[in-house]
């Protein structure tokens, strides 16, 4: 008990320490392992001690996201808008791939956290500074969606572990009914070392789609495109 008390004096409980310990716990054991009880045990305190720094589980999750998003590189200087936005989004991807649970938590939030709002505001500023109109920027934000924060939402996410034999049998069974889907699925190349496993959202797929979007946005910018009909 004396040793525990001495440790507490050397490393007092703080909001930052709580959040970073929660992030480490989520990285190691998954986001479902993060509870106030488990976190208190990791920190060597009683659960009630946490509530002096975070009001509840939702505030804890919001704070964890803010720590992760705050690690995204700031906007680059002296770059054209497309290159700057591309680099920033890929920095966001690197930040989130280091925390596999983060995209799930971001999607679960009913309102954006302060760091996410600041990041989105900064990204909008980059687009406007690059010569995009407010109208085009509005639609670009919708088009990029979660990709702005470095992850994409797949139409169908397969289970974390798939039996290769069962998967092959399913593919053969579906091929007769859905031949076009089967043809494309059979050709798909996936990075088995991807942080998201064998899903399509590996680095190549992510950058391929991002570049398609950025090229299209630049074409619209040059055309001075508007969603409102010309008068």
C-alpha atoms as a PDB file:
ATOM      1  CA  UNK A   1       0.000   0.000   0.000  1.00  0.00           C
ATOM      2  CA  UNK A   2       2.888   2.361   0.814  1.00  0.00           C
ATOM      3  CA  UNK A   3       4.469   1.530  -2.550  1.00  0.00           C
ATOM      4  CA  UNK A   4       1.148   2.270  -4.314  1.00  0.00           C
ATOM      5  CA  UNK A   5       0.886   5.616  -2.504  1.00  0.00           C
ATOM      6  CA  UNK A   6       4.472   6.530  -3.412  1.00  0.00           C
ATOM      7  CA  UNK A   7       3.750   5.675  -7.066  1.00  0.00           C
ATOM      8  CA  UNK A   8       0.645   7.857  -7.046  1.00  0.00           C
ATOM      9  CA  UNK A   9       2.647  10.808  -5.728  1.00  0.00           C
ATOM     10  CA  UNK A  10       5.305  10.350  -8.399  1.00  0.00           C
ATOM     11  CA  UNK A  11       2.767   9.970 -11.189  1.00  0.00           C
ATOM     12  CA  UNK A  12      -0.465  11.647 -10.079  1.00  0.00           C
ATOM     13  CA  UNK A  13      -3.731  10.902 -11.827  1.00  0.00           C
ATOM     14  CA  UNK A  14      -4.636  13.360 -14.577  1.00  0.00           C
ATOM     15  CA  UNK A  15      -6.996  13.486 -17.529  1.00  0.00           C
ATOM     16  CA  UNK A  16      -4.108  13.059 -19.977  1.00  0.00           C
ATOM     17  CA  UNK A  17      -2.754  10.032 -18.127  1.00  0.00           C
ATOM     18  CA  UNK A  18      -6.217   8.454 -18.026  1.00  0.00           C
ATOM     19  CA  UNK A  19      -6.773   8.982 -21.754  1.00  0.00           C
ATOM     20  CA  UNK A  20      -3.379   7.643 -22.771  1.00  0.00           C
ATOM     21  CA  UNK A  21      -3.763   4.592 -20.536  1.00  0.00           C
ATOM     22  CA  UNK A  22      -7.198   3.959 -22.066  1.00  0.00           C
ATOM     23  CA  UNK A  23      -5.694   4.210 -25.557  1.00  0.00           C
ATOM     24  CA  UNK A  24      -2.944   1.746 -24.653  1.00  0.00           C
ATOM     25  CA  UNK A  25      -5.547  -0.645 -23.233  1.00  0.00           C
ATOM     26  CA  UNK A  26      -7.682  -0.373 -26.385  1.00  0.00           C
ATOM     27  CA  UNK A  27      -4.636  -0.922 -28.613  1.00  0.00           C
ATOM     28  CA  UNK A  28      -3.654  -4.019 -26.677  1.00  0.00           C
ATOM     29  CA  UNK A  29      -6.994  -5.640 -25.893  1.00  0.00           C
ATOM     30  CA  UNK A  30      -9.592  -3.925 -28.092  1.00  0.00           C
ATOM     31  CA  UNK A  31     -12.019  -1.119 -27.444  1.00  0.00           C
ATOM     32  CA  UNK A  32     -14.521  -3.428 -25.716  1.00  0.00           C
ATOM     33  CA  UNK A  33     -11.968  -3.961 -22.946  1.00  0.00           C
ATOM     34  CA  UNK A  34     -12.047  -0.268 -22.056  1.00  0.00           C
ATOM     35  CA  UNK A  35     -14.332   0.138 -19.051  1.00  0.00           C
ATOM     36  CA  UNK A  36     -14.016   2.437 -16.087  1.00  0.00           C
ATOM     37  CA  UNK A  37     -13.365  -0.587 -13.872  1.00  0.00           C
ATOM     38  CA  UNK A  38     -10.646  -2.059 -16.107  1.00  0.00           C
ATOM     39  CA  UNK A  39      -9.068   1.351 -16.595  1.00  0.00           C
ATOM     40  CA  UNK A  40      -8.994   1.988 -12.850  1.00  0.00           C
ATOM     41  CA  UNK A  41      -7.286  -1.360 -12.380  1.00  0.00           C
ATOM     42  CA  UNK A  42      -4.652  -0.457 -14.989  1.00  0.00           C
ATOM     43  CA  UNK A  43      -4.000   2.836 -13.212  1.00  0.00           C
ATOM     44  CA  UNK A  44      -4.011   1.337  -9.726  1.00  0.00           C
ATOM     45  CA  UNK A  45      -6.837   3.506  -8.425  1.00  0.00           C
ATOM     46  CA  UNK A  46     -10.468   3.038  -7.421  1.00  0.00           C
ATOM     47  CA  UNK A  47     -13.001   3.636 -10.244  1.00  0.00           C
ATOM     48  CA  UNK A  48     -14.462   6.690  -8.509  1.00  0.00           C
ATOM     49  CA  UNK A  49     -11.091   8.465  -8.829  1.00  0.00           C
ATOM     50  CA  UNK A  50     -11.528   8.531 -12.608  1.00  0.00           C
ATOM     51  CA  UNK A  51     -14.731  10.541 -12.438  1.00  0.00           C
ATOM     52  CA  UNK A  52     -12.866  13.578 -11.145  1.00  0.00           C
ATOM     53  CA  UNK A  53     -11.257  13.802 -14.604  1.00  0.00           C
ATOM     54  CA  UNK A  54     -13.787  12.224 -17.011  1.00  0.00           C
ATOM     55  CA  UNK A  55     -17.514  12.438 -16.336  1.00  0.00           C
ATOM     56  CA  UNK A  56     -18.481   9.112 -17.923  1.00  0.00           C
ATOM     57  CA  UNK A  57     -17.591   6.483 -20.540  1.00  0.00           C
ATOM     58  CA  UNK A  58     -18.739   8.690 -23.432  1.00  0.00           C
ATOM     59  CA  UNK A  59     -16.466  11.528 -22.332  1.00  0.00           C
ATOM     60  CA  UNK A  60     -13.630   9.029 -22.012  1.00  0.00           C
ATOM     61  CA  UNK A  61     -14.146   7.801 -25.595  1.00  0.00           C
ATOM     62  CA  UNK A  62     -14.402  11.386 -26.884  1.00  0.00           C
ATOM     63  CA  UNK A  63     -11.137  12.229 -25.166  1.00  0.00           C
ATOM     64  CA  UNK A  64      -9.411   9.177 -26.606  1.00  0.00           C
ATOM     65  CA  UNK A  65     -10.455  10.210 -30.118  1.00  0.00           C
ATOM     66  CA  UNK A  66      -9.218  13.743 -29.537  1.00  0.00           C
ATOM     67  CA  UNK A  67      -5.775  12.441 -28.533  1.00  0.00           C
ATOM     68  CA  UNK A  68      -5.555  10.327 -31.702  1.00  0.00           C
ATOM     69  CA  UNK A  69      -6.824  13.029 -34.066  1.00  0.00           C
ATOM     70  CA  UNK A  70      -4.545  15.639 -32.515  1.00  0.00           C
ATOM     71  CA  UNK A  71      -1.581  13.515 -33.622  1.00  0.00           C
ATOM     72  CA  UNK A  72      -2.420  14.054 -37.316  1.00  0.00           C
ATOM     73  CA  UNK A  73       0.215  16.180 -39.042  1.00  0.00           C
ATOM     74  CA  UNK A  74      -0.658  19.871 -39.488  1.00  0.00           C
ATOM     75  CA  UNK A  75      -1.339  21.262 -42.971  1.00  0.00           C
ATOM     76  CA  UNK A  76       1.718  21.469 -45.211  1.00  0.00           C
ATOM     77  CA  UNK A  77       2.938  24.816 -46.481  1.00  0.00           C
ATOM     78  CA  UNK A  78       3.880  25.838 -50.015  1.00  0.00           C
ATOM     79  CA  UNK A  79       1.935  23.005 -51.663  1.00  0.00           C
ATOM     80  CA  UNK A  80      -0.909  23.054 -54.141  1.00  0.00           C
ATOM     81  CA  UNK A  81      -4.242  22.301 -52.493  1.00  0.00           C
ATOM     82  CA  UNK A  82      -4.545  18.744 -53.841  1.00  0.00           C
ATOM     83  CA  UNK A  83      -1.088  17.649 -52.692  1.00  0.00           C
ATOM     84  CA  UNK A  84      -1.579  19.267 -49.286  1.00  0.00           C
ATOM     85  CA  UNK A  85      -4.972  17.629 -48.765  1.00  0.00           C
ATOM     86  CA  UNK A  86      -3.671  14.263 -49.943  1.00  0.00           C
ATOM     87  CA  UNK A  87      -0.730  14.348 -47.545  1.00  0.00           C
ATOM     88  CA  UNK A  88      -2.947  15.387 -44.645  1.00  0.00           C
ATOM     89  CA  UNK A  89      -5.444  12.602 -45.280  1.00  0.00           C
ATOM     90  CA  UNK A  90      -2.670  10.005 -45.529  1.00  0.00           C
ATOM     91  CA  UNK A  91      -1.268  11.339 -42.253  1.00  0.00           C
ATOM     92  CA  UNK A  92      -4.729  10.855 -40.742  1.00  0.00           C
ATOM     93  CA  UNK A  93      -4.735   7.308 -42.057  1.00  0.00           C
ATOM     94  CA  UNK A  94      -1.394   6.564 -40.426  1.00  0.00           C
ATOM     95  CA  UNK A  95      -2.645   8.007 -37.143  1.00  0.00           C
ATOM     96  CA  UNK A  96      -5.757   5.833 -37.190  1.00  0.00           C
ATOM     97  CA  UNK A  97      -4.060   2.644 -38.402  1.00  0.00           C
ATOM     98  CA  UNK A  98      -1.969   2.798 -35.250  1.00  0.00           C
ATOM     99  CA  UNK A  99      -5.230   2.528 -33.308  1.00  0.00           C
ATOM    100  CA  UNK A 100      -7.467  -0.056 -35.060  1.00  0.00           C
ATOM    101  CA  UNK A 101     -10.413   0.734 -32.768  1.00  0.00           C
ATOM    102  CA  UNK A 102     -10.451   4.481 -33.530  1.00  0.00           C
ATOM    103  CA  UNK A 103     -12.555   4.454 -36.709  1.00  0.00           C
ATOM    104  CA  UNK A 104     -15.257   2.437 -34.963  1.00  0.00           C
ATOM    105  CA  UNK A 105     -15.401   4.895 -32.081  1.00  0.00           C
ATOM    106  CA  UNK A 106     -15.457   7.919 -34.411  1.00  0.00           C
ATOM    107  CA  UNK A 107     -18.413   6.395 -36.256  1.00  0.00           C
ATOM    108  CA  UNK A 108     -20.222   5.778 -32.962  1.00  0.00           C
ATOM    109  CA  UNK A 109     -20.111   9.414 -31.835  1.00  0.00           C
ATOM    110  CA  UNK A 110     -23.406  11.301 -32.187  1.00  0.00           C
ATOM    111  CA  UNK A 111     -21.557  14.628 -32.384  1.00  0.00           C
ATOM    112  CA  UNK A 112     -17.965  15.317 -33.493  1.00  0.00           C
ATOM    113  CA  UNK A 113     -15.402  15.839 -30.746  1.00  0.00           C
ATOM    114  CA  UNK A 114     -13.542  19.168 -30.443  1.00  0.00           C
ATOM    115  CA  UNK A 115     -10.396  17.810 -32.112  1.00  0.00           C
ATOM    116  CA  UNK A 116     -12.414  16.327 -34.980  1.00  0.00           C
ATOM    117  CA  UNK A 117     -14.242  19.639 -35.450  1.00  0.00           C
ATOM    118  CA  UNK A 118     -10.924  21.515 -35.476  1.00  0.00           C
ATOM    119  CA  UNK A 119      -9.502  19.055 -37.998  1.00  0.00           C
ATOM    120  CA  UNK A 120     -12.540  19.373 -40.279  1.00  0.00           C
ATOM    121  CA  UNK A 121     -12.428  23.157 -40.017  1.00  0.00           C
ATOM    122  CA  UNK A 122      -8.755  23.081 -40.996  1.00  0.00           C
ATOM    123  CA  UNK A 123      -9.452  20.802 -43.970  1.00  0.00           C
ATOM    124  CA  UNK A 124     -12.223  23.112 -45.178  1.00  0.00           C
ATOM    125  CA  UNK A 125      -9.809  26.012 -44.870  1.00  0.00           C
ATOM    126  CA  UNK A 126      -7.300  24.169 -47.064  1.00  0.00           C
ATOM    127  CA  UNK A 127      -9.934  23.571 -49.748  1.00  0.00           C
ATOM    128  CA  UNK A 128     -11.134  27.172 -49.728  1.00  0.00           C
ATOM    129  CA  UNK A 129      -7.561  28.479 -49.810  1.00  0.00           C
ATOM    130  CA  UNK A 130      -6.923  26.218 -52.811  1.00  0.00           C
ATOM    131  CA  UNK A 131      -9.533  28.038 -54.852  1.00  0.00           C
ATOM    132  CA  UNK A 132     -12.563  25.808 -54.329  1.00  0.00           C
ATOM    133  CA  UNK A 133     -15.833  27.646 -53.944  1.00  0.00           C
ATOM    134  CA  UNK A 134     -17.892  27.281 -50.789  1.00  0.00           C
ATOM    135  CA  UNK A 135     -20.470  25.395 -52.860  1.00  0.00           C
ATOM    136  CA  UNK A 136     -17.939  22.905 -54.252  1.00  0.00           C
ATOM    137  CA  UNK A 137     -16.259  22.539 -50.860  1.00  0.00           C
ATOM    138  CA  UNK A 138     -19.584  21.593 -49.300  1.00  0.00           C
ATOM    139  CA  UNK A 139     -20.043  18.745 -51.775  1.00  0.00           C
ATOM    140  CA  UNK A 140     -16.390  17.696 -51.544  1.00  0.00           C
ATOM    141  CA  UNK A 141     -16.729  17.182 -47.796  1.00  0.00           C
ATOM    142  CA  UNK A 142     -19.663  14.857 -48.437  1.00  0.00           C
ATOM    143  CA  UNK A 143     -17.810  13.027 -51.207  1.00  0.00           C
ATOM    144  CA  UNK A 144     -14.704  12.416 -49.107  1.00  0.00           C
ATOM    145  CA  UNK A 145     -16.696  11.473 -46.016  1.00  0.00           C
ATOM    146  CA  UNK A 146     -14.804   9.353 -43.496  1.00  0.00           C
ATOM    147  CA  UNK A 147     -11.863   9.245 -45.917  1.00  0.00           C
ATOM    148  CA  UNK A 148     -10.979  12.714 -44.629  1.00  0.00           C
ATOM    149  CA  UNK A 149     -10.054  11.008 -41.371  1.00  0.00           C
ATOM    150  CA  UNK A 150      -8.113   8.221 -43.024  1.00  0.00           C
ATOM    151  CA  UNK A 151     -10.579   5.360 -43.229  1.00  0.00           C
ATOM    152  CA  UNK A 152     -13.322   4.202 -45.564  1.00  0.00           C
ATOM    153  CA  UNK A 153     -16.575   2.443 -44.858  1.00  0.00           C
ATOM    154  CA  UNK A 154     -16.778  -0.845 -46.731  1.00  0.00           C
ATOM    155  CA  UNK A 155     -20.099  -2.053 -48.133  1.00  0.00           C
ATOM    156  CA  UNK A 156     -19.629  -5.466 -46.580  1.00  0.00           C
ATOM    157  CA  UNK A 157     -17.021  -6.104 -43.919  1.00  0.00           C
ATOM    158  CA  UNK A 158     -16.113  -9.815 -43.681  1.00  0.00           C
ATOM    159  CA  UNK A 159     -15.501 -11.521 -40.326  1.00  0.00           C
ATOM    160  CA  UNK A 160     -12.091 -11.003 -38.771  1.00  0.00           C
ATOM    161  CA  UNK A 161     -11.197 -14.660 -39.388  1.00  0.00           C
ATOM    162  CA  UNK A 162     -12.447 -16.534 -42.443  1.00  0.00           C
ATOM    163  CA  UNK A 163     -11.955 -20.243 -43.132  1.00  0.00           C
ATOM    164  CA  UNK A 164     -10.336 -20.334 -46.622  1.00  0.00           C
ATOM    165  CA  UNK A 165     -12.126 -23.568 -47.560  1.00  0.00           C
ATOM    166  CA  UNK A 166     -15.510 -22.211 -46.464  1.00  0.00           C
ATOM    167  CA  UNK A 167     -14.843 -18.960 -48.296  1.00  0.00           C
ATOM    168  CA  UNK A 168     -13.967 -20.793 -51.518  1.00  0.00           C
ATOM    169  CA  UNK A 169     -17.084 -22.944 -51.252  1.00  0.00           C
ATOM    170  CA  UNK A 170     -19.257 -19.877 -50.764  1.00  0.00           C
ATOM    171  CA  UNK A 171     -17.646 -18.187 -53.782  1.00  0.00           C
ATOM    172  CA  UNK A 172     -18.369 -21.229 -55.982  1.00  0.00           C
ATOM    173  CA  UNK A 173     -21.962 -21.350 -54.797  1.00  0.00           C
ATOM    174  CA  UNK A 174     -22.541 -17.684 -55.551  1.00  0.00           C
ATOM    175  CA  UNK A 175     -20.766 -17.625 -58.901  1.00  0.00           C
ATOM    176  CA  UNK A 176     -23.666 -19.173 -60.778  1.00  0.00           C
ATOM    177  CA  UNK A 177     -26.148 -16.606 -59.457  1.00  0.00           C
ATOM    178  CA  UNK A 178     -23.926 -13.534 -59.350  1.00  0.00           C
ATOM    179  CA  UNK A 179     -21.315 -14.083 -62.098  1.00  0.00           C
ATOM    180  CA  UNK A 180     -20.155 -10.458 -62.393  1.00  0.00           C
ATOM    181  CA  UNK A 181     -19.664 -10.085 -58.643  1.00  0.00           C
ATOM    182  CA  UNK A 182     -17.794 -13.389 -58.512  1.00  0.00           C
ATOM    183  CA  UNK A 183     -15.518 -12.385 -61.397  1.00  0.00           C
ATOM    184  CA  UNK A 184     -14.416  -9.140 -59.753  1.00  0.00           C
ATOM    185  CA  UNK A 185     -14.119 -10.679 -56.287  1.00  0.00           C
ATOM    186  CA  UNK A 186     -11.886 -13.455 -57.636  1.00  0.00           C
ATOM    187  CA  UNK A 187      -9.545 -10.892 -59.223  1.00  0.00           C
ATOM    188  CA  UNK A 188      -9.245  -8.657 -56.172  1.00  0.00           C
ATOM    189  CA  UNK A 189      -5.757  -8.415 -54.696  1.00  0.00           C
ATOM    190  CA  UNK A 190      -5.523  -7.740 -50.982  1.00  0.00           C
ATOM    191  CA  UNK A 191      -2.614  -6.846 -48.769  1.00  0.00           C
ATOM    192  CA  UNK A 192      -2.535  -9.570 -46.142  1.00  0.00           C
ATOM    193  CA  UNK A 193      -0.351  -7.348 -43.955  1.00  0.00           C
ATOM    194  CA  UNK A 194      -2.869  -4.502 -44.037  1.00  0.00           C
ATOM    195  CA  UNK A 195      -3.877  -3.166 -40.644  1.00  0.00           C
ATOM    196  CA  UNK A 196      -7.459  -3.945 -41.581  1.00  0.00           C
ATOM    197  CA  UNK A 197      -6.697  -7.517 -42.597  1.00  0.00           C
ATOM    198  CA  UNK A 198      -7.862  -8.940 -45.916  1.00  0.00           C
ATOM    199  CA  UNK A 199     -10.542  -6.302 -46.515  1.00  0.00           C
ATOM    200  CA  UNK A 200     -10.406  -4.101 -49.611  1.00  0.00           C
ATOM    201  CA  UNK A 201      -9.486  -1.051 -47.565  1.00  0.00           C
ATOM    202  CA  UNK A 202      -5.749  -1.613 -47.791  1.00  0.00           C
ATOM    203  CA  UNK A 203      -3.300   1.176 -48.593  1.00  0.00           C
ATOM    204  CA  UNK A 204      -3.478   0.769 -52.357  1.00  0.00           C
ATOM    205  CA  UNK A 205      -7.282   0.788 -52.471  1.00  0.00           C
ATOM    206  CA  UNK A 206      -7.417   3.780 -50.158  1.00  0.00           C
ATOM    207  CA  UNK A 207      -4.966   5.867 -52.180  1.00  0.00           C
ATOM    208  CA  UNK A 208      -6.503   4.765 -55.504  1.00  0.00           C
ATOM    209  CA  UNK A 209      -9.924   6.062 -54.471  1.00  0.00           C
ATOM    210  CA  UNK A 210      -8.504   9.191 -52.861  1.00  0.00           C
ATOM    211  CA  UNK A 211      -6.621  10.098 -56.046  1.00  0.00           C
ATOM    212  CA  UNK A 212      -9.726   9.536 -58.170  1.00  0.00           C
ATOM    213  CA  UNK A 213     -11.651  11.911 -55.951  1.00  0.00           C
ATOM    214  CA  UNK A 214      -8.936  14.580 -55.853  1.00  0.00           C
ATOM    215  CA  UNK A 215      -8.479  14.499 -59.639  1.00  0.00           C
ATOM    216  CA  UNK A 216     -12.220  14.859 -60.126  1.00  0.00           C
ATOM    217  CA  UNK A 217     -12.428  17.702 -57.638  1.00  0.00           C
ATOM    218  CA  UNK A 218      -9.611  19.557 -59.393  1.00  0.00           C
ATOM    219  CA  UNK A 219     -11.420  19.188 -62.715  1.00  0.00           C
ATOM    220  CA  UNK A 220     -14.558  20.680 -61.202  1.00  0.00           C
ATOM    221  CA  UNK A 221     -12.559  23.520 -59.665  1.00  0.00           C
ATOM    222  CA  UNK A 222     -11.058  24.402 -63.029  1.00  0.00           C
ATOM    223  CA  UNK A 223     -14.532  24.363 -64.592  1.00  0.00           C
ATOM    224  CA  UNK A 224     -15.785  26.686 -61.835  1.00  0.00           C
ATOM    225  CA  UNK A 225     -18.472  24.099 -61.220  1.00  0.00           C
ATOM    226  CA  UNK A 226     -21.578  24.983 -59.228  1.00  0.00           C
ATOM    227  CA  UNK A 227     -24.444  22.873 -57.983  1.00  0.00           C
ATOM    228  CA  UNK A 228     -26.790  25.748 -58.775  1.00  0.00           C
ATOM    229  CA  UNK A 229     -28.030  26.094 -62.349  1.00  0.00           C
ATOM    230  CA  UNK A 230     -26.592  29.040 -64.247  1.00  0.00           C
ATOM    231  CA  UNK A 231     -28.969  31.968 -64.669  1.00  0.00           C
END
